[in-house]
Amino acid sequence: MTENEKQSVKAMLPDDEALYELANLFKMFGDPTRAKILSCLQIRDMYVGELAETLGMTDSAVSHQLRVLRSAKLVKGTKEGKEVKYSLDDDHVTKILEYGLTHVNEEK
């Protein structure tokens, strides 16, 4: 590789802050519990209690993971009366899940 090619590749790289944020985003998907919660929300919007019952977890454990996912802008909550119904934040989250599952199931 020539020096010009190296410089060209380097110039095309995202900046360090963007790469740091990207790495943190993928960390969110690195936890099986969070991946299960995201998968449930991909199927339909759910309340904490519904997620807890579906996944065999406590409401407290689900709430903790939802806080983490909210801070990463992967899920959002909509207040409905005294409860909050959770959903995926946007279509990008759905696509990440779909592409990831397609990739892991490629050779099966």
N, C-alpha and C. Protein backbone atom coordinates (compact mmCIF):
# COMPACT_ATOMS: atom_id res chain seq x y z
N MET A 1 0.86 -1.17 0.00
CA MET A 1 0.00 0.00 0.00
C MET A 1 0.90 1.24 0.00
N THR A 2 0.60 2.16 -0.86
CA THR A 2 1.40 3.38 -0.95
C THR A 2 1.02 4.34 0.18
N GLU A 3 1.85 5.32 0.39
CA GLU A 3 1.57 6.33 1.41
C GLU A 3 0.28 7.09 1.09
N ASN A 4 0.05 7.38 -0.19
CA ASN A 4 -1.19 8.06 -0.59
C ASN A 4 -2.42 7.22 -0.30
N GLU A 5 -2.32 5.91 -0.55
CA GLU A 5 -3.45 5.00 -0.25
C GLU A 5 -3.72 4.96 1.25
N LYS A 6 -2.65 4.91 2.04
CA LYS A 6 -2.82 4.91 3.50
C LYS A 6 -3.52 6.18 3.96
N GLN A 7 -3.08 7.31 3.45
CA GLN A 7 -3.67 8.59 3.83
C GLN A 7 -5.13 8.68 3.38
N SER A 8 -5.42 8.11 2.21
CA SER A 8 -6.79 8.11 1.69
C SER A 8 -7.71 7.30 2.60
N VAL A 9 -7.24 6.13 3.00
CA VAL A 9 -8.03 5.28 3.90
C VAL A 9 -8.23 5.99 5.23
N LYS A 10 -7.17 6.54 5.77
CA LYS A 10 -7.24 7.23 7.06
C LYS A 10 -8.23 8.40 7.01
N ALA A 11 -8.24 9.13 5.91
CA ALA A 11 -9.14 10.27 5.76
C ALA A 11 -10.61 9.84 5.71
N MET A 12 -10.85 8.62 5.27
CA MET A 12 -12.22 8.12 5.14
C MET A 12 -12.76 7.53 6.43
N LEU A 13 -11.90 7.30 7.42
CA LEU A 13 -12.34 6.72 8.69
C LEU A 13 -13.22 7.70 9.45
N PRO A 14 -14.23 7.18 10.16
CA PRO A 14 -15.00 8.05 11.05
C PRO A 14 -14.06 8.60 12.14
N ASP A 15 -14.44 9.73 12.73
CA ASP A 15 -13.58 10.28 13.78
C ASP A 15 -13.64 9.41 15.03
N ASP A 16 -12.69 9.62 15.93
CA ASP A 16 -12.56 8.78 17.12
C ASP A 16 -13.82 8.80 17.99
N GLU A 17 -14.46 9.95 18.12
CA GLU A 17 -15.66 10.04 18.94
C GLU A 17 -16.79 9.19 18.35
N ALA A 18 -16.96 9.24 17.04
CA ALA A 18 -17.99 8.43 16.38
C ALA A 18 -17.71 6.95 16.56
N LEU A 19 -16.45 6.55 16.44
CA LEU A 19 -16.10 5.13 16.62
C LEU A 19 -16.31 4.69 18.06
N TYR A 20 -16.02 5.56 19.00
CA TYR A 20 -16.26 5.27 20.42
C TYR A 20 -17.75 5.05 20.67
N GLU A 21 -18.58 5.93 20.11
CA GLU A 21 -20.03 5.80 20.26
C GLU A 21 -20.55 4.54 19.59
N LEU A 22 -19.98 4.20 18.43
CA LEU A 22 -20.37 2.98 17.73
C LEU A 22 -20.04 1.75 18.57
N ALA A 23 -18.85 1.73 19.16
CA ALA A 23 -18.45 0.60 20.01
C ALA A 23 -19.40 0.48 21.21
N ASN A 24 -19.77 1.60 21.80
CA ASN A 24 -20.71 1.57 22.93
C ASN A 24 -22.09 1.09 22.50
N LEU A 25 -22.51 1.47 21.30
CA LEU A 25 -23.79 0.99 20.79
C LEU A 25 -23.79 -0.54 20.71
N PHE A 26 -22.73 -1.08 20.13
CA PHE A 26 -22.68 -2.53 19.98
C PHE A 26 -22.54 -3.25 21.31
N LYS A 27 -22.00 -2.59 22.32
CA LYS A 27 -21.96 -3.18 23.67
C LYS A 27 -23.37 -3.44 24.18
N MET A 28 -24.30 -2.57 23.81
CA MET A 28 -25.69 -2.74 24.25
C MET A 28 -26.26 -4.06 23.73
N PHE A 29 -25.87 -4.44 22.54
CA PHE A 29 -26.35 -5.68 21.93
C PHE A 29 -25.56 -6.89 22.43
N GLY A 30 -24.49 -6.65 23.18
CA GLY A 30 -23.62 -7.72 23.66
C GLY A 30 -24.14 -8.43 24.88
N ASP A 31 -25.21 -7.96 25.44
CA ASP A 31 -25.79 -8.58 26.63
C ASP A 31 -27.04 -9.37 26.21
N PRO A 32 -27.07 -10.68 26.49
CA PRO A 32 -28.21 -11.51 26.05
C PRO A 32 -29.56 -11.03 26.60
N THR A 33 -29.57 -10.54 27.83
CA THR A 33 -30.84 -10.06 28.40
C THR A 33 -31.35 -8.86 27.64
N ARG A 34 -30.46 -7.92 27.33
CA ARG A 34 -30.89 -6.75 26.56
C ARG A 34 -31.31 -7.16 25.16
N ALA A 35 -30.61 -8.12 24.57
CA ALA A 35 -30.99 -8.60 23.24
C ALA A 35 -32.38 -9.24 23.27
N LYS A 36 -32.70 -9.95 24.34
CA LYS A 36 -34.04 -10.54 24.46
C LYS A 36 -35.11 -9.46 24.58
N ILE A 37 -34.83 -8.44 25.39
CA ILE A 37 -35.79 -7.35 25.56
C ILE A 37 -36.01 -6.65 24.22
N LEU A 38 -34.93 -6.35 23.51
CA LEU A 38 -35.06 -5.71 22.20
C LEU A 38 -35.84 -6.59 21.23
N SER A 39 -35.61 -7.89 21.28
CA SER A 39 -36.33 -8.82 20.39
C SER A 39 -37.82 -8.83 20.70
N CYS A 40 -38.17 -8.80 21.99
CA CYS A 40 -39.59 -8.72 22.36
C CYS A 40 -40.22 -7.44 21.82
N LEU A 41 -39.49 -6.33 21.98
CA LEU A 41 -40.03 -5.05 21.54
C LEU A 41 -40.07 -4.92 20.03
N GLN A 42 -39.31 -5.75 19.36
CA GLN A 42 -39.37 -5.78 17.90
C GLN A 42 -40.70 -6.42 17.46
N ILE A 43 -41.19 -7.34 18.26
CA ILE A 43 -42.46 -8.02 17.95
C ILE A 43 -43.64 -7.10 18.25
N ARG A 44 -43.60 -6.47 19.44
CA ARG A 44 -44.67 -5.52 19.79
C ARG A 44 -44.25 -4.67 20.98
N ASP A 45 -44.87 -3.52 21.15
CA ASP A 45 -44.63 -2.66 22.30
C ASP A 45 -45.14 -3.38 23.55
N MET A 46 -44.41 -3.19 24.67
CA MET A 46 -44.78 -3.91 25.89
C MET A 46 -44.52 -3.06 27.13
N TYR A 47 -45.26 -3.40 28.19
CA TYR A 47 -45.04 -2.81 29.51
C TYR A 47 -43.96 -3.62 30.24
N VAL A 48 -43.41 -3.02 31.29
CA VAL A 48 -42.37 -3.70 32.08
C VAL A 48 -42.86 -5.06 32.56
N GLY A 49 -44.06 -5.10 33.12
CA GLY A 49 -44.60 -6.36 33.65
C GLY A 49 -44.74 -7.43 32.59
N GLU A 50 -45.14 -7.03 31.40
CA GLU A 50 -45.27 -7.99 30.29
C GLU A 50 -43.90 -8.54 29.89
N LEU A 51 -42.93 -7.66 29.82
CA LEU A 51 -41.56 -8.11 29.50
C LEU A 51 -41.04 -9.05 30.57
N ALA A 52 -41.25 -8.68 31.83
CA ALA A 52 -40.77 -9.50 32.94
C ALA A 52 -41.40 -10.89 32.91
N GLU A 53 -42.70 -10.94 32.69
CA GLU A 53 -43.42 -12.22 32.64
C GLU A 53 -42.95 -13.06 31.44
N THR A 54 -42.82 -12.43 30.30
CA THR A 54 -42.40 -13.12 29.08
C THR A 54 -41.00 -13.72 29.24
N LEU A 55 -40.11 -12.97 29.88
CA LEU A 55 -38.71 -13.39 29.97
C LEU A 55 -38.37 -14.09 31.28
N GLY A 56 -39.36 -14.23 32.18
CA GLY A 56 -39.10 -14.90 33.46
C GLY A 56 -38.15 -14.12 34.34
N MET A 57 -38.31 -12.80 34.34
CA MET A 57 -37.45 -11.91 35.12
C MET A 57 -38.31 -11.10 36.09
N THR A 58 -37.64 -10.41 37.00
CA THR A 58 -38.37 -9.51 37.89
C THR A 58 -38.60 -8.17 37.19
N ASP A 59 -39.63 -7.46 37.63
CA ASP A 59 -39.88 -6.12 37.08
C ASP A 59 -38.67 -5.23 37.28
N SER A 60 -38.04 -5.36 38.44
CA SER A 60 -36.87 -4.54 38.76
C SER A 60 -35.72 -4.79 37.79
N ALA A 61 -35.47 -6.05 37.49
CA ALA A 61 -34.37 -6.39 36.57
C ALA A 61 -34.66 -5.86 35.16
N VAL A 62 -35.90 -5.99 34.73
CA VAL A 62 -36.29 -5.48 33.41
C VAL A 62 -36.18 -3.96 33.38
N SER A 63 -36.66 -3.31 34.43
CA SER A 63 -36.59 -1.85 34.50
C SER A 63 -35.15 -1.36 34.42
N HIS A 64 -34.25 -2.05 35.11
CA HIS A 64 -32.84 -1.68 35.07
C HIS A 64 -32.31 -1.75 33.63
N GLN A 65 -32.59 -2.85 32.94
CA GLN A 65 -32.11 -3.00 31.57
C GLN A 65 -32.75 -1.98 30.63
N LEU A 66 -34.02 -1.66 30.86
CA LEU A 66 -34.69 -0.65 30.03
C LEU A 66 -34.06 0.73 30.23
N ARG A 67 -33.64 1.04 31.47
CA ARG A 67 -32.94 2.31 31.70
C ARG A 67 -31.65 2.38 30.89
N VAL A 68 -30.91 1.27 30.87
CA VAL A 68 -29.67 1.20 30.10
C VAL A 68 -29.98 1.39 28.61
N LEU A 69 -30.99 0.69 28.13
CA LEU A 69 -31.35 0.78 26.71
C LEU A 69 -31.88 2.16 26.34
N ARG A 70 -32.60 2.79 27.26
CA ARG A 70 -33.09 4.15 27.00
C ARG A 70 -31.93 5.13 26.91
N SER A 71 -30.95 4.97 27.79
CA SER A 71 -29.81 5.89 27.78
C SER A 71 -29.01 5.74 26.49
N ALA A 72 -29.08 4.57 25.87
CA ALA A 72 -28.40 4.34 24.59
C ALA A 72 -29.29 4.70 23.40
N LYS A 73 -30.48 5.21 23.67
CA LYS A 73 -31.45 5.59 22.64
C LYS A 73 -31.88 4.43 21.75
N LEU A 74 -31.99 3.25 22.38
CA LEU A 74 -32.44 2.08 21.64
C LEU A 74 -33.92 1.80 21.88
N VAL A 75 -34.43 2.22 23.05
CA VAL A 75 -35.86 2.09 23.34
C VAL A 75 -36.39 3.43 23.83
N LYS A 76 -37.70 3.56 23.74
CA LYS A 76 -38.35 4.75 24.27
C LYS A 76 -39.60 4.31 25.01
N GLY A 77 -40.02 5.12 25.95
CA GLY A 77 -41.21 4.82 26.73
C GLY A 77 -42.27 5.86 26.51
N THR A 78 -43.52 5.40 26.45
CA THR A 78 -44.66 6.29 26.31
C THR A 78 -45.57 6.06 27.50
N LYS A 79 -45.80 7.13 28.26
CA LYS A 79 -46.64 7.01 29.45
C LYS A 79 -48.09 6.78 29.03
N GLU A 80 -48.67 5.73 29.60
CA GLU A 80 -50.08 5.41 29.37
C GLU A 80 -50.73 5.22 30.74
N GLY A 81 -51.39 6.25 31.22
CA GLY A 81 -51.93 6.22 32.57
C GLY A 81 -50.79 6.21 33.57
N LYS A 82 -50.79 5.19 34.43
CA LYS A 82 -49.73 5.08 35.44
C LYS A 82 -48.56 4.23 34.95
N GLU A 83 -48.71 3.62 33.79
CA GLU A 83 -47.66 2.73 33.28
C GLU A 83 -46.97 3.33 32.06
N VAL A 84 -45.82 2.76 31.75
CA VAL A 84 -45.06 3.17 30.58
C VAL A 84 -44.97 1.98 29.63
N LYS A 85 -45.35 2.22 28.39
CA LYS A 85 -45.24 1.19 27.36
C LYS A 85 -43.96 1.47 26.58
N TYR A 86 -43.14 0.43 26.44
CA TYR A 86 -41.85 0.56 25.78
C TYR A 86 -41.91 0.06 24.35
N SER A 87 -41.11 0.71 23.51
CA SER A 87 -40.99 0.33 22.11
C SER A 87 -39.56 0.59 21.67
N LEU A 88 -39.20 0.05 20.51
CA LEU A 88 -37.90 0.35 19.94
C LEU A 88 -37.88 1.82 19.56
N ASP A 89 -36.74 2.46 19.70
CA ASP A 89 -36.66 3.90 19.47
C ASP A 89 -36.95 4.28 18.03
N ASP A 90 -36.43 3.53 17.08
CA ASP A 90 -36.69 3.83 15.68
C ASP A 90 -36.39 2.61 14.82
N ASP A 91 -36.57 2.78 13.52
CA ASP A 91 -36.40 1.66 12.58
C ASP A 91 -34.96 1.18 12.50
N HIS A 92 -34.00 2.05 12.86
CA HIS A 92 -32.60 1.63 12.82
C HIS A 92 -32.34 0.46 13.78
N VAL A 93 -32.99 0.50 14.94
CA VAL A 93 -32.80 -0.57 15.92
C VAL A 93 -33.32 -1.89 15.34
N THR A 94 -34.47 -1.83 14.69
CA THR A 94 -35.03 -3.01 14.04
C THR A 94 -34.06 -3.56 13.00
N LYS A 95 -33.50 -2.69 12.20
CA LYS A 95 -32.57 -3.12 11.16
C LYS A 95 -31.30 -3.74 11.74
N ILE A 96 -30.77 -3.16 12.81
CA ILE A 96 -29.59 -3.73 13.46
C ILE A 96 -29.89 -5.14 13.93
N LEU A 97 -31.05 -5.32 14.58
CA LEU A 97 -31.44 -6.65 15.05
C LEU A 97 -31.59 -7.62 13.88
N GLU A 98 -32.27 -7.19 12.83
CA GLU A 98 -32.49 -8.06 11.67
C GLU A 98 -31.18 -8.45 11.01
N TYR A 99 -30.30 -7.48 10.79
CA TYR A 99 -29.00 -7.78 10.16
C TYR A 99 -28.16 -8.69 11.04
N GLY A 100 -28.19 -8.43 12.33
CA GLY A 100 -27.42 -9.27 13.26
C GLY A 100 -27.90 -10.71 13.24
N LEU A 101 -29.21 -10.90 13.29
CA LEU A 101 -29.76 -12.27 13.27
C LEU A 101 -29.50 -12.95 11.94
N THR A 102 -29.60 -12.20 10.86
CA THR A 102 -29.28 -12.76 9.55
C THR A 102 -27.84 -13.24 9.53
N HIS A 103 -26.95 -12.44 10.06
CA HIS A 103 -25.54 -12.79 10.08
C HIS A 103 -25.27 -14.04 10.91
N VAL A 104 -25.82 -14.11 12.12
CA VAL A 104 -25.54 -15.28 12.99
C VAL A 104 -26.21 -16.55 12.47
N ASN A 105 -27.25 -16.41 11.68
CA ASN A 105 -27.95 -17.59 11.15
C ASN A 105 -27.49 -17.98 9.74
N GLU A 106 -26.51 -17.29 9.17
CA GLU A 106 -26.04 -17.54 7.81
C GLU A 106 -25.64 -18.99 7.54
N GLU A 107 -24.87 -19.55 8.42
CA GLU A 107 -24.30 -20.88 8.18
C GLU A 107 -25.13 -22.02 8.76
N LYS A 108 -26.30 -21.70 9.29
CA LYS A 108 -27.11 -22.73 9.95
C LYS A 108 -27.98 -23.45 8.96
